Amino acid sequence: MGNIKIGRIVLGVYGTNCYFLYREGENKVIIVDAPDYGDSICANMEKNGFQVAGVLLTHGHFDHIWGAGKLRTAASESAEKRGEQPVRVYAAEEERELLMDTNMNVSAAMKRPCSFKADVYVRDGDVITIAGMTFRVLLTPGHTSGSCCYYFEEAGFLLCGDTIFLESVGRTDFPTGSMSALVRSVKEKLFILPDDTKLYPGHGEATTVGHEKKYNPFLV
């Protein structure tokens, strides 16, 4: 069984990271966040020999979900042609309302309202396997009440959305945001992971748990 690999596409008006995860030598991918152009994400994956097996949302803000609907549709149509089940989108149970409310997810303010209903709503501590890749859900409220991270322990990395960035953290002034909750989430959920755990955020470059413990001014 090959190692889990990760790639990144930067999309949308706010340069949001869209990640794709796959096992070396295999063709099934998990997409993490869908900033925009969902049908193009699917087409690009297939152009490079990949098939979308599932989509994970770290939270429900517009710049992470604008492409989710078209991605699900395109990926599901391809899956059905292969005789496989439709592709499902995963999000935290606590994010259900924000995903559906165009004011809460800020898409209305951006003049492009978007409501989205996930297929599977996950809870803190859930262990899920998609296409032979297993991860654990870590609920990390703060950026939004339903922000969550996906920890791939085997690979030593975590997809953290807008909870934490390289020497920064996600903003908390949008609906359901809370700085105290965010700091608590990071210290209680992320900083207990091994220091060499790679953190892949929703914007910007990757970092590690150890680096953020030392140099993140919001958390030291």
C-alpha atoms as a PDB file:
ATOM      1  CA  MET A   1       0.000   0.000   0.000  1.00  0.00           C
ATOM      2  CA  GLY A   2       1.514   3.317  -1.085  1.00  0.00           C
ATOM      3  CA  ASN A   3       2.109   6.357   1.083  1.00  0.00           C
ATOM      4  CA  ILE A   4      -0.518   9.077   1.282  1.00  0.00           C
ATOM      5  CA  LYS A   5       0.452  12.056  -0.841  1.00  0.00           C
ATOM      6  CA  ILE A   6      -1.003  15.570  -0.848  1.00  0.00           C
ATOM      7  CA  GLY A   7      -1.265  18.194  -3.579  1.00  0.00           C
ATOM      8  CA  ARG A   8      -2.624  21.728  -3.626  1.00  0.00           C
ATOM      9  CA  ILE A   9      -4.524  23.987  -6.011  1.00  0.00           C
ATOM     10  CA  VAL A  10      -5.023  27.656  -5.072  1.00  0.00           C
ATOM     11  CA  LEU A  11      -8.407  28.944  -6.197  1.00  0.00           C
ATOM     12  CA  GLY A  12     -10.877  31.789  -5.807  1.00  0.00           C
ATOM     13  CA  VAL A  13     -10.790  35.476  -4.980  1.00  0.00           C
ATOM     14  CA  TYR A  14      -9.122  34.868  -1.603  1.00  0.00           C
ATOM     15  CA  GLY A  15      -6.493  32.384  -2.732  1.00  0.00           C
ATOM     16  CA  THR A  16      -8.043  29.448  -0.911  1.00  0.00           C
ATOM     17  CA  ASN A  17      -6.158  26.169  -0.798  1.00  0.00           C
ATOM     18  CA  CYS A  18      -7.937  23.197  -2.329  1.00  0.00           C
ATOM     19  CA  TYR A  19      -6.085  20.012  -1.403  1.00  0.00           C
ATOM     20  CA  PHE A  20      -6.201  16.580  -3.004  1.00  0.00           C
ATOM     21  CA  LEU A  21      -5.011  13.456  -1.217  1.00  0.00           C
ATOM     22  CA  TYR A  22      -4.201  10.088  -2.746  1.00  0.00           C
ATOM     23  CA  ARG A  23      -2.194   6.956  -2.150  1.00  0.00           C
ATOM     24  CA  GLU A  24       0.966   6.720  -4.193  1.00  0.00           C
ATOM     25  CA  GLY A  25       0.291   4.526  -7.215  1.00  0.00           C
ATOM     26  CA  GLU A  26      -3.500   4.677  -6.859  1.00  0.00           C
ATOM     27  CA  ASN A  27      -6.072   6.837  -8.624  1.00  0.00           C
ATOM     28  CA  LYS A  28      -8.691   7.708  -5.992  1.00  0.00           C
ATOM     29  CA  VAL A  29      -8.496  11.179  -4.430  1.00  0.00           C
ATOM     30  CA  ILE A  30     -10.075  12.978  -1.517  1.00  0.00           C
ATOM     31  CA  ILE A  31     -10.655  16.696  -2.093  1.00  0.00           C
ATOM     32  CA  VAL A  32     -10.446  19.031   0.913  1.00  0.00           C
ATOM     33  CA  ASP A  33     -12.451  22.245   0.476  1.00  0.00           C
ATOM     34  CA  ALA A  34     -13.914  23.472  -2.810  1.00  0.00           C
ATOM     35  CA  PRO A  35     -13.239  27.205  -3.140  1.00  0.00           C
ATOM     36  CA  ASP A  36     -14.731  27.618  -6.639  1.00  0.00           C
ATOM     37  CA  TYR A  37     -14.888  26.087 -10.115  1.00  0.00           C
ATOM     38  CA  GLY A  38     -15.980  22.705  -8.787  1.00  0.00           C
ATOM     39  CA  ASP A  39     -16.533  21.181 -12.208  1.00  0.00           C
ATOM     40  CA  SER A  40     -13.029  22.259 -13.236  1.00  0.00           C
ATOM     41  CA  ILE A  41     -11.548  20.676 -10.107  1.00  0.00           C
ATOM     42  CA  CYS A  42     -13.148  17.383 -11.087  1.00  0.00           C
ATOM     43  CA  ALA A  43     -12.090  17.720 -14.737  1.00  0.00           C
ATOM     44  CA  ASN A  44      -8.484  18.488 -13.765  1.00  0.00           C
ATOM     45  CA  MET A  45      -8.357  15.485 -11.461  1.00  0.00           C
ATOM     46  CA  GLU A  46      -9.643  13.210 -14.221  1.00  0.00           C
ATOM     47  CA  LYS A  47      -7.281  14.747 -16.765  1.00  0.00           C
ATOM     48  CA  ASN A  48      -4.446  13.651 -14.522  1.00  0.00           C
ATOM     49  CA  GLY A  49      -5.808  10.158 -14.079  1.00  0.00           C
ATOM     50  CA  PHE A  50      -7.569  10.615 -10.739  1.00  0.00           C
ATOM     51  CA  GLN A  51     -11.129   9.884  -9.645  1.00  0.00           C
ATOM     52  CA  VAL A  52     -12.751  11.913  -6.857  1.00  0.00           C
ATOM     53  CA  ALA A  53     -13.824   9.571  -4.042  1.00  0.00           C
ATOM     54  CA  GLY A  54     -15.008  12.103  -1.446  1.00  0.00           C
ATOM     55  CA  VAL A  55     -14.984  15.772  -0.456  1.00  0.00           C
ATOM     56  CA  LEU A  56     -14.178  17.123   3.020  1.00  0.00           C
ATOM     57  CA  LEU A  57     -15.170  20.644   4.088  1.00  0.00           C
ATOM     58  CA  THR A  58     -13.222  22.236   6.921  1.00  0.00           C
ATOM     59  CA  HIS A  59     -15.942  24.857   7.455  1.00  0.00           C
ATOM     60  CA  GLY A  60     -18.764  26.614   5.646  1.00  0.00           C
ATOM     61  CA  HIS A  61     -17.483  30.036   4.616  1.00  0.00           C
ATOM     62  CA  PHE A  62     -18.190  31.035   1.024  1.00  0.00           C
ATOM     63  CA  ASP A  63     -14.575  30.818  -0.090  1.00  0.00           C
ATOM     64  CA  HIS A  64     -14.440  27.149   0.896  1.00  0.00           C
ATOM     65  CA  ILE A  65     -17.821  25.991  -0.467  1.00  0.00           C
ATOM     66  CA  TRP A  66     -18.585  27.966  -3.653  1.00  0.00           C
ATOM     67  CA  GLY A  67     -17.368  25.053  -5.760  1.00  0.00           C
ATOM     68  CA  ALA A  68     -18.766  22.237  -3.629  1.00  0.00           C
ATOM     69  CA  GLY A  69     -22.068  21.796  -5.440  1.00  0.00           C
ATOM     70  CA  LYS A  70     -20.603  21.586  -8.935  1.00  0.00           C
ATOM     71  CA  LEU A  71     -17.770  19.373  -7.698  1.00  0.00           C
ATOM     72  CA  ARG A  72     -20.199  16.919  -6.126  1.00  0.00           C
ATOM     73  CA  THR A  73     -22.373  16.856  -9.247  1.00  0.00           C
ATOM     74  CA  ALA A  74     -19.490  16.348 -11.673  1.00  0.00           C
ATOM     75  CA  ALA A  75     -17.733  13.747  -9.518  1.00  0.00           C
ATOM     76  CA  SER A  76     -20.967  11.855  -8.896  1.00  0.00           C
ATOM     77  CA  GLU A  77     -21.806  11.756 -12.601  1.00  0.00           C
ATOM     78  CA  SER A  78     -18.377  10.286 -13.334  1.00  0.00           C
ATOM     79  CA  ALA A  79     -18.747   7.770 -10.501  1.00  0.00           C
ATOM     80  CA  GLU A  80     -22.155   6.645 -11.718  1.00  0.00           C
ATOM     81  CA  LYS A  81     -20.747   6.060 -15.218  1.00  0.00           C
ATOM     82  CA  ARG A  82     -18.242   3.701 -13.601  1.00  0.00           C
ATOM     83  CA  GLY A  83     -21.039   1.943 -11.743  1.00  0.00           C
ATOM     84  CA  GLU A  84     -19.987   3.438  -8.393  1.00  0.00           C
ATOM     85  CA  GLN A  85     -21.952   5.244  -5.688  1.00  0.00           C
ATOM     86  CA  PRO A  86     -22.352   9.053  -5.870  1.00  0.00           C
ATOM     87  CA  VAL A  87     -19.576  11.087  -4.278  1.00  0.00           C
ATOM     88  CA  ARG A  88     -20.398  12.385  -0.797  1.00  0.00           C
ATOM     89  CA  VAL A  89     -19.419  15.657   0.869  1.00  0.00           C
ATOM     90  CA  TYR A  90     -18.527  15.661   4.577  1.00  0.00           C
ATOM     91  CA  ALA A  91     -18.785  18.530   7.080  1.00  0.00           C
ATOM     92  CA  ALA A  92     -19.124  18.940  10.841  1.00  0.00           C
ATOM     93  CA  GLU A  93     -22.599  18.588  12.343  1.00  0.00           C
ATOM     94  CA  GLU A  94     -22.090  21.920  14.134  1.00  0.00           C
ATOM     95  CA  GLU A  95     -21.657  23.642  10.750  1.00  0.00           C
ATOM     96  CA  ARG A  96     -25.032  22.551   9.352  1.00  0.00           C
ATOM     97  CA  GLU A  97     -26.807  25.887   9.945  1.00  0.00           C
ATOM     98  CA  LEU A  98     -23.960  28.080   8.723  1.00  0.00           C
ATOM     99  CA  LEU A  99     -23.632  26.091   5.501  1.00  0.00           C
ATOM    100  CA  MET A 100     -27.275  26.740   4.704  1.00  0.00           C
ATOM    101  CA  ASP A 101     -27.503  30.394   5.809  1.00  0.00           C
ATOM    102  CA  THR A 102     -26.159  32.829   3.205  1.00  0.00           C
ATOM    103  CA  ASN A 103     -25.709  35.587   5.778  1.00  0.00           C
ATOM    104  CA  MET A 104     -23.864  33.400   8.262  1.00  0.00           C
ATOM    105  CA  ASN A 105     -21.529  31.960   5.632  1.00  0.00           C
ATOM    106  CA  VAL A 106     -20.936  35.484   4.258  1.00  0.00           C
ATOM    107  CA  SER A 107     -21.801  34.528   0.677  1.00  0.00           C
ATOM    108  CA  ALA A 108     -24.695  37.027   0.588  1.00  0.00           C
ATOM    109  CA  ALA A 109     -22.352  39.867   1.515  1.00  0.00           C
ATOM    110  CA  MET A 110     -20.118  38.778  -1.361  1.00  0.00           C
ATOM    111  CA  LYS A 111     -23.091  39.185  -3.768  1.00  0.00           C
ATOM    112  CA  ARG A 112     -23.047  35.501  -4.632  1.00  0.00           C
ATOM    113  CA  PRO A 113     -25.367  33.725  -2.183  1.00  0.00           C
ATOM    114  CA  CYS A 114     -24.622  30.047  -1.667  1.00  0.00           C
ATOM    115  CA  SER A 115     -26.386  27.478   0.508  1.00  0.00           C
ATOM    116  CA  PHE A 116     -25.030  23.973   0.790  1.00  0.00           C
ATOM    117  CA  LYS A 117     -26.138  20.749   2.430  1.00  0.00           C
ATOM    118  CA  ALA A 118     -23.486  18.146   3.100  1.00  0.00           C
ATOM    119  CA  ASP A 119     -24.223  14.460   2.585  1.00  0.00           C
ATOM    120  CA  VAL A 120     -22.531  13.336   5.795  1.00  0.00           C
ATOM    121  CA  TYR A 121     -22.332  15.383   8.989  1.00  0.00           C
ATOM    122  CA  VAL A 122     -19.446  14.246  11.182  1.00  0.00           C
ATOM    123  CA  ARG A 123     -18.700  14.642  14.877  1.00  0.00           C
ATOM    124  CA  ASP A 124     -15.591  15.204  16.941  1.00  0.00           C
ATOM    125  CA  GLY A 125     -13.517  12.040  17.164  1.00  0.00           C
ATOM    126  CA  ASP A 126     -15.132  10.242  14.242  1.00  0.00           C
ATOM    127  CA  VAL A 127     -12.724   7.953  12.393  1.00  0.00           C
ATOM    128  CA  ILE A 128     -13.526   7.691   8.697  1.00  0.00           C
ATOM    129  CA  THR A 129     -11.956   5.818   5.796  1.00  0.00           C
ATOM    130  CA  ILE A 130     -12.378   6.946   2.182  1.00  0.00           C
ATOM    131  CA  ALA A 131     -10.580   5.163  -0.672  1.00  0.00           C
ATOM    132  CA  GLY A 132      -8.330   3.354   1.773  1.00  0.00           C
ATOM    133  CA  MET A 133      -7.251   6.555   3.542  1.00  0.00           C
ATOM    134  CA  THR A 134      -8.212   6.829   7.208  1.00  0.00           C
ATOM    135  CA  PHE A 135      -8.500  10.094   9.129  1.00  0.00           C
ATOM    136  CA  ARG A 136      -9.901  11.406  12.411  1.00  0.00           C
ATOM    137  CA  VAL A 137     -12.213  14.391  12.740  1.00  0.00           C
ATOM    138  CA  LEU A 138     -11.110  17.060  15.221  1.00  0.00           C
ATOM    139  CA  LEU A 139     -13.794  19.641  15.948  1.00  0.00           C
ATOM    140  CA  THR A 140     -11.991  22.980  16.406  1.00  0.00           C
ATOM    141  CA  PRO A 141     -14.579  25.732  16.988  1.00  0.00           C
ATOM    142  CA  GLY A 142     -13.368  29.316  16.879  1.00  0.00           C
ATOM    143  CA  HIS A 143     -13.158  30.493  13.278  1.00  0.00           C
ATOM    144  CA  THR A 144     -16.728  29.201  13.099  1.00  0.00           C
ATOM    145  CA  SER A 145     -18.616  27.054  15.588  1.00  0.00           C
ATOM    146  CA  GLY A 146     -18.355  24.062  13.263  1.00  0.00           C
ATOM    147  CA  SER A 147     -14.803  24.441  12.011  1.00  0.00           C
ATOM    148  CA  CYS A 148     -13.027  21.117  11.990  1.00  0.00           C
ATOM    149  CA  CYS A 149      -9.696  19.579  11.066  1.00  0.00           C
ATOM    150  CA  TYR A 150      -8.912  16.216   9.483  1.00  0.00           C
ATOM    151  CA  TYR A 151      -5.971  14.324  10.966  1.00  0.00           C
ATOM    152  CA  PHE A 152      -4.247  11.713   8.813  1.00  0.00           C
ATOM    153  CA  GLU A 153      -2.080  10.165  11.513  1.00  0.00           C
ATOM    154  CA  GLU A 154      -0.469   7.612   9.180  1.00  0.00           C
ATOM    155  CA  ALA A 155       0.837  10.415   6.971  1.00  0.00           C
ATOM    156  CA  GLY A 156       1.699  12.764   9.832  1.00  0.00           C
ATOM    157  CA  PHE A 157      -0.376  15.700   8.613  1.00  0.00           C
ATOM    158  CA  LEU A 158      -3.529  17.604   9.410  1.00  0.00           C
ATOM    159  CA  LEU A 159      -5.849  19.620   7.167  1.00  0.00           C
ATOM    160  CA  CYS A 160      -6.733  22.570   9.380  1.00  0.00           C
ATOM    161  CA  GLY A 161      -8.823  24.950   7.279  1.00  0.00           C
ATOM    162  CA  ASP A 162      -8.817  28.465   8.725  1.00  0.00           C
ATOM    163  CA  THR A 163      -8.255  27.413  12.324  1.00  0.00           C
ATOM    164  CA  ILE A 164      -4.523  28.090  12.213  1.00  0.00           C
ATOM    165  CA  PHE A 165      -2.108  29.532   9.647  1.00  0.00           C
ATOM    166  CA  LEU A 166       1.630  29.955   9.467  1.00  0.00           C
ATOM    167  CA  GLU A 167       2.261  32.174  12.522  1.00  0.00           C
ATOM    168  CA  SER A 168      -1.362  33.332  12.542  1.00  0.00           C
ATOM    169  CA  VAL A 169      -4.925  32.155  13.142  1.00  0.00           C
ATOM    170  CA  GLY A 170      -8.279  32.492  11.432  1.00  0.00           C
ATOM    171  CA  ARG A 171     -10.374  35.615  11.916  1.00  0.00           C
ATOM    172  CA  THR A 172     -13.202  35.374  14.438  1.00  0.00           C
ATOM    173  CA  ASP A 173     -15.345  38.412  13.625  1.00  0.00           C
ATOM    174  CA  PHE A 174     -17.775  36.563  11.322  1.00  0.00           C
ATOM    175  CA  PRO A 175     -20.927  34.817  12.621  1.00  0.00           C
ATOM    176  CA  THR A 176     -20.284  32.061  15.210  1.00  0.00           C
ATOM    177  CA  GLY A 177     -16.619  33.067  15.532  1.00  0.00           C
ATOM    178  CA  SER A 178     -14.873  33.232  18.916  1.00  0.00           C
ATOM    179  CA  MET A 179     -11.216  33.970  19.602  1.00  0.00           C
ATOM    180  CA  SER A 180     -11.305  32.341  23.045  1.00  0.00           C
ATOM    181  CA  ALA A 181     -12.802  29.194  21.540  1.00  0.00           C
ATOM    182  CA  LEU A 182     -10.232  29.190  18.737  1.00  0.00           C
ATOM    183  CA  VAL A 183      -7.258  29.462  21.105  1.00  0.00           C
ATOM    184  CA  ARG A 184      -8.713  26.709  23.268  1.00  0.00           C
ATOM    185  CA  SER A 185      -9.268  24.489  20.232  1.00  0.00           C
ATOM    186  CA  VAL A 186      -5.694  24.873  19.022  1.00  0.00           C
ATOM    187  CA  LYS A 187      -4.105  24.285  22.404  1.00  0.00           C
ATOM    188  CA  GLU A 188      -6.360  21.366  23.383  1.00  0.00           C
ATOM    189  CA  LYS A 189      -6.717  19.626  20.012  1.00  0.00           C
ATOM    190  CA  LEU A 190      -3.761  20.559  17.792  1.00  0.00           C
ATOM    191  CA  PHE A 191      -0.890  21.290  20.136  1.00  0.00           C
ATOM    192  CA  ILE A 192      -1.179  17.817  21.678  1.00  0.00           C
ATOM    193  CA  LEU A 193      -0.212  16.280  18.324  1.00  0.00           C
ATOM    194  CA  PRO A 194       3.457  15.430  17.619  1.00  0.00           C
ATOM    195  CA  ASP A 195       5.587  18.522  16.968  1.00  0.00           C
ATOM    196  CA  ASP A 196       6.514  17.314  13.485  1.00  0.00           C
ATOM    197  CA  THR A 197       2.862  17.062  12.413  1.00  0.00           C
ATOM    198  CA  LYS A 198       2.486  19.036   9.177  1.00  0.00           C
ATOM    199  CA  LEU A 199      -0.354  21.571   9.168  1.00  0.00           C
ATOM    200  CA  TYR A 200      -2.004  22.363   5.833  1.00  0.00           C
ATOM    201  CA  PRO A 201      -4.129  25.515   6.232  1.00  0.00           C
ATOM    202  CA  GLY A 202      -6.940  26.960   4.146  1.00  0.00           C
ATOM    203  CA  HIS A 203      -4.764  29.857   2.995  1.00  0.00           C
ATOM    204  CA  GLY A 204      -1.024  30.288   2.657  1.00  0.00           C
ATOM    205  CA  GLU A 205       1.830  27.892   3.199  1.00  0.00           C
ATOM    206  CA  ALA A 206       2.122  24.783   5.356  1.00  0.00           C
ATOM    207  CA  THR A 207       3.676  24.790   8.813  1.00  0.00           C
ATOM    208  CA  THR A 208       4.137  22.369  11.709  1.00  0.00           C
ATOM    209  CA  VAL A 209       2.777  22.003  15.220  1.00  0.00           C
ATOM    210  CA  GLY A 210       6.245  22.551  16.680  1.00  0.00           C
ATOM    211  CA  HIS A 211       6.817  25.758  14.721  1.00  0.00           C
ATOM    212  CA  GLU A 212       3.489  27.231  15.792  1.00  0.00           C
ATOM    213  CA  LYS A 213       4.093  26.402  19.437  1.00  0.00           C
ATOM    214  CA  LYS A 214       7.256  28.521  19.274  1.00  0.00           C
ATOM    215  CA  TYR A 215       6.422  31.336  16.901  1.00  0.00           C
ATOM    216  CA  ASN A 216       2.666  31.903  16.632  1.00  0.00           C
ATOM    217  CA  PRO A 217       2.083  35.238  18.400  1.00  0.00           C
ATOM    218  CA  PHE A 218      -1.605  34.466  18.938  1.00  0.00           C
ATOM    219  CA  LEU A 219      -0.886  31.247  20.804  1.00  0.00           C
ATOM    220  CA  VAL A 220       2.409  31.524  22.669  1.00  0.00           C
END
